[in-house]
Amino acid sequence: QVQLVESGGGLVRPGGSLRLSCAASGIIFSIHNVGWYRQAPGKERELVAIMDTGGRTHYADSVKGRFTISRNNAEKTVYLQMNSLKPEDTAVYYCNIQRQSNNYWGQGTQVTVSS
């Protein structure tokens, strides 16, 4: 049974930083692509950042230069370092692990950016 457990969300002031973590179990982590998505109230879920098995990354334009996705295959964990946070980054953040038709989601972690 695949499980993804996210942590690291919270309340932060504009300009602050947070690091999200997503620990996977029940899966051969290294052969899966990983990613982070977010969903703000009243909006659709959107891509934030993805990393493939070779380490190649893609970021949404809105987070380029501020967010960094990384993975540790030995620990089966994917991270999202978020710097220079803005109020518009407020959302529930979901980790995603995908390979071919297999697509797994975490439960989501709330990130709120507010003064």
C-alpha atoms as a PDB file:
ATOM      1  CA  GLN A   1       0.000   0.000   0.000  1.00  0.00           C
ATOM      2  CA  VAL A   2       1.443   3.327  -1.073  1.00  0.00           C
ATOM      3  CA  GLN A   3       1.455   6.117   1.506  1.00  0.00           C
ATOM      4  CA  LEU A   4       2.655   9.699   1.151  1.00  0.00           C
ATOM      5  CA  VAL A   5       2.981  11.708   4.353  1.00  0.00           C
ATOM      6  CA  GLU A   6       3.511  15.438   4.039  1.00  0.00           C
ATOM      7  CA  SER A   7       4.817  17.821   6.653  1.00  0.00           C
ATOM      8  CA  GLY A   8       6.247  21.306   6.987  1.00  0.00           C
ATOM      9  CA  GLY A   9       3.291  23.539   6.248  1.00  0.00           C
ATOM     10  CA  GLY A  10       2.223  26.407   8.460  1.00  0.00           C
ATOM     11  CA  LEU A  11       1.791  30.127   8.822  1.00  0.00           C
ATOM     12  CA  VAL A  12       4.607  32.394   7.657  1.00  0.00           C
ATOM     13  CA  ARG A  13       4.997  36.104   7.039  1.00  0.00           C
ATOM     14  CA  PRO A  14       5.552  37.462   3.533  1.00  0.00           C
ATOM     15  CA  GLY A  15       9.189  37.113   2.599  1.00  0.00           C
ATOM     16  CA  GLY A  16       9.628  34.109   4.856  1.00  0.00           C
ATOM     17  CA  SER A  17      10.563  30.539   4.075  1.00  0.00           C
ATOM     18  CA  LEU A  18       9.147  27.068   4.579  1.00  0.00           C
ATOM     19  CA  ARG A  19      10.356  23.592   3.667  1.00  0.00           C
ATOM     20  CA  LEU A  20       7.799  20.949   2.816  1.00  0.00           C
ATOM     21  CA  SER A  21       8.599  17.253   3.031  1.00  0.00           C
ATOM     22  CA  CYS A  22       6.795  14.239   1.616  1.00  0.00           C
ATOM     23  CA  ALA A  23       7.851  10.805   2.810  1.00  0.00           C
ATOM     24  CA  ALA A  24       6.799   7.833   0.716  1.00  0.00           C
ATOM     25  CA  SER A  25       6.377   4.203   1.684  1.00  0.00           C
ATOM     26  CA  GLY A  26       5.238   1.079  -0.107  1.00  0.00           C
ATOM     27  CA  ILE A  27       6.777   2.163  -3.375  1.00  0.00           C
ATOM     28  CA  ILE A  28      10.016   1.917  -5.366  1.00  0.00           C
ATOM     29  CA  PHE A  29      10.597   5.628  -5.023  1.00  0.00           C
ATOM     30  CA  SER A  30      13.603   6.039  -7.300  1.00  0.00           C
ATOM     31  CA  ILE A  31      11.754   5.007 -10.477  1.00  0.00           C
ATOM     32  CA  HIS A  32       8.949   7.522 -10.013  1.00  0.00           C
ATOM     33  CA  ASN A  33       8.691  11.141 -11.018  1.00  0.00           C
ATOM     34  CA  VAL A  34       7.886  13.467  -8.115  1.00  0.00           C
ATOM     35  CA  GLY A  35       6.122  16.761  -7.875  1.00  0.00           C
ATOM     36  CA  TRP A  36       4.317  19.373  -5.819  1.00  0.00           C
ATOM     37  CA  TYR A  37       0.950  20.889  -6.659  1.00  0.00           C
ATOM     38  CA  ARG A  38      -1.180  23.420  -4.834  1.00  0.00           C
ATOM     39  CA  GLN A  39      -4.810  24.424  -4.615  1.00  0.00           C
ATOM     40  CA  ALA A  40      -5.970  27.785  -3.356  1.00  0.00           C
ATOM     41  CA  PRO A  41      -9.574  28.368  -2.217  1.00  0.00           C
ATOM     42  CA  GLY A  42     -11.905  28.627  -5.186  1.00  0.00           C
ATOM     43  CA  LYS A  43      -9.188  27.674  -7.658  1.00  0.00           C
ATOM     44  CA  GLU A  44      -8.148  24.527  -9.464  1.00  0.00           C
ATOM     45  CA  ARG A  45      -5.135  22.489  -8.424  1.00  0.00           C
ATOM     46  CA  GLU A  46      -2.032  23.695 -10.224  1.00  0.00           C
ATOM     47  CA  LEU A  47       1.481  22.453 -10.810  1.00  0.00           C
ATOM     48  CA  VAL A  48       4.186  24.007  -8.659  1.00  0.00           C
ATOM     49  CA  ALA A  49       7.277  21.938  -9.458  1.00  0.00           C
ATOM     50  CA  ILE A  50       8.188  18.514 -10.762  1.00  0.00           C
ATOM     51  CA  MET A  51      11.357  16.441 -10.916  1.00  0.00           C
ATOM     52  CA  ASP A  52      11.841  13.339 -13.029  1.00  0.00           C
ATOM     53  CA  THR A  53      13.903  10.283 -12.182  1.00  0.00           C
ATOM     54  CA  GLY A  54      16.948  11.855 -13.824  1.00  0.00           C
ATOM     55  CA  GLY A  55      16.775  14.993 -11.722  1.00  0.00           C
ATOM     56  CA  ARG A  56      15.390  17.266 -14.402  1.00  0.00           C
ATOM     57  CA  THR A  57      13.042  19.894 -13.025  1.00  0.00           C
ATOM     58  CA  HIS A  58      10.221  22.107 -14.193  1.00  0.00           C
ATOM     59  CA  TYR A  59       8.685  24.985 -12.259  1.00  0.00           C
ATOM     60  CA  ALA A  60       5.593  27.106 -12.617  1.00  0.00           C
ATOM     61  CA  ASP A  61       6.541  30.593 -13.748  1.00  0.00           C
ATOM     62  CA  SER A  62       5.066  32.031 -10.562  1.00  0.00           C
ATOM     63  CA  VAL A  63       7.595  30.217  -8.344  1.00  0.00           C
ATOM     64  CA  LYS A  64      10.742  30.181 -10.491  1.00  0.00           C
ATOM     65  CA  GLY A  65      13.746  31.477  -8.588  1.00  0.00           C
ATOM     66  CA  ARG A  66      11.940  31.186  -5.242  1.00  0.00           C
ATOM     67  CA  PHE A  67      11.065  27.489  -4.866  1.00  0.00           C
ATOM     68  CA  THR A  68      13.350  24.474  -5.203  1.00  0.00           C
ATOM     69  CA  ILE A  69      12.254  20.869  -5.511  1.00  0.00           C
ATOM     70  CA  SER A  70      14.623  18.081  -4.473  1.00  0.00           C
ATOM     71  CA  ARG A  71      14.506  14.385  -3.729  1.00  0.00           C
ATOM     72  CA  ASN A  72      16.367  11.879  -1.605  1.00  0.00           C
ATOM     73  CA  ASN A  73      15.886   8.437  -3.084  1.00  0.00           C
ATOM     74  CA  ALA A  74      17.520   6.660  -0.151  1.00  0.00           C
ATOM     75  CA  GLU A  75      15.056   8.278   2.242  1.00  0.00           C
ATOM     76  CA  LYS A  76      12.148   8.089  -0.225  1.00  0.00           C
ATOM     77  CA  THR A  77      11.433  11.735   0.382  1.00  0.00           C
ATOM     78  CA  VAL A  78      10.689  14.719  -1.835  1.00  0.00           C
ATOM     79  CA  TYR A  79      11.173  18.272  -0.610  1.00  0.00           C
ATOM     80  CA  LEU A  80       9.990  21.716  -1.594  1.00  0.00           C
ATOM     81  CA  GLN A  81      12.071  24.624  -0.313  1.00  0.00           C
ATOM     82  CA  MET A  82       9.995  27.785  -0.528  1.00  0.00           C
ATOM     83  CA  ASN A  83      11.696  31.148  -0.136  1.00  0.00           C
ATOM     84  CA  SER A  84      10.491  34.731  -0.505  1.00  0.00           C
ATOM     85  CA  LEU A  85       6.938  33.593   0.108  1.00  0.00           C
ATOM     86  CA  LYS A  86       4.082  35.806  -1.014  1.00  0.00           C
ATOM     87  CA  PRO A  87       0.438  35.947   0.108  1.00  0.00           C
ATOM     88  CA  GLU A  88      -0.546  34.496  -3.272  1.00  0.00           C
ATOM     89  CA  ASP A  89       1.394  31.342  -2.388  1.00  0.00           C
ATOM     90  CA  THR A  90      -1.268  30.558   0.217  1.00  0.00           C
ATOM     91  CA  ALA A  91      -2.776  27.178  -0.642  1.00  0.00           C
ATOM     92  CA  VAL A  92      -2.954  23.531   0.281  1.00  0.00           C
ATOM     93  CA  TYR A  93       0.169  21.882  -1.102  1.00  0.00           C
ATOM     94  CA  TYR A  94       0.064  18.276  -2.313  1.00  0.00           C
ATOM     95  CA  CYS A  95       2.940  16.002  -3.187  1.00  0.00           C
ATOM     96  CA  ASN A  96       2.573  13.691  -6.144  1.00  0.00           C
ATOM     97  CA  ILE A  97       4.473  10.588  -7.195  1.00  0.00           C
ATOM     98  CA  GLN A  98       3.888   9.261 -10.673  1.00  0.00           C
ATOM     99  CA  ARG A  99       5.082   6.607 -13.048  1.00  0.00           C
ATOM    100  CA  GLN A 100       3.201   5.691 -16.212  1.00  0.00           C
ATOM    101  CA  SER A 101      -0.404   5.124 -15.162  1.00  0.00           C
ATOM    102  CA  ASN A 102       0.386   5.058 -11.445  1.00  0.00           C
ATOM    103  CA  ASN A 103      -0.383   8.359  -9.787  1.00  0.00           C
ATOM    104  CA  TYR A 104      -0.285   8.891  -6.019  1.00  0.00           C
ATOM    105  CA  TRP A 105      -1.165  11.930  -3.899  1.00  0.00           C
ATOM    106  CA  GLY A 106      -0.411  13.059  -0.392  1.00  0.00           C
ATOM    107  CA  GLN A 107      -3.110  14.308   1.949  1.00  0.00           C
ATOM    108  CA  GLY A 108      -2.075  17.937   1.565  1.00  0.00           C
ATOM    109  CA  THR A 109      -0.495  20.460   3.906  1.00  0.00           C
ATOM    110  CA  GLN A 110      -1.707  24.016   4.416  1.00  0.00           C
ATOM    111  CA  VAL A 111       0.637  26.905   3.704  1.00  0.00           C
ATOM    112  CA  THR A 112      -0.586  30.342   4.725  1.00  0.00           C
ATOM    113  CA  VAL A 113       1.416  33.475   3.956  1.00  0.00           C
ATOM    114  CA  SER A 114       0.099  36.434   5.894  1.00  0.00           C
ATOM    115  CA  SER A 115       1.293  39.317   8.005  1.00  0.00           C
END
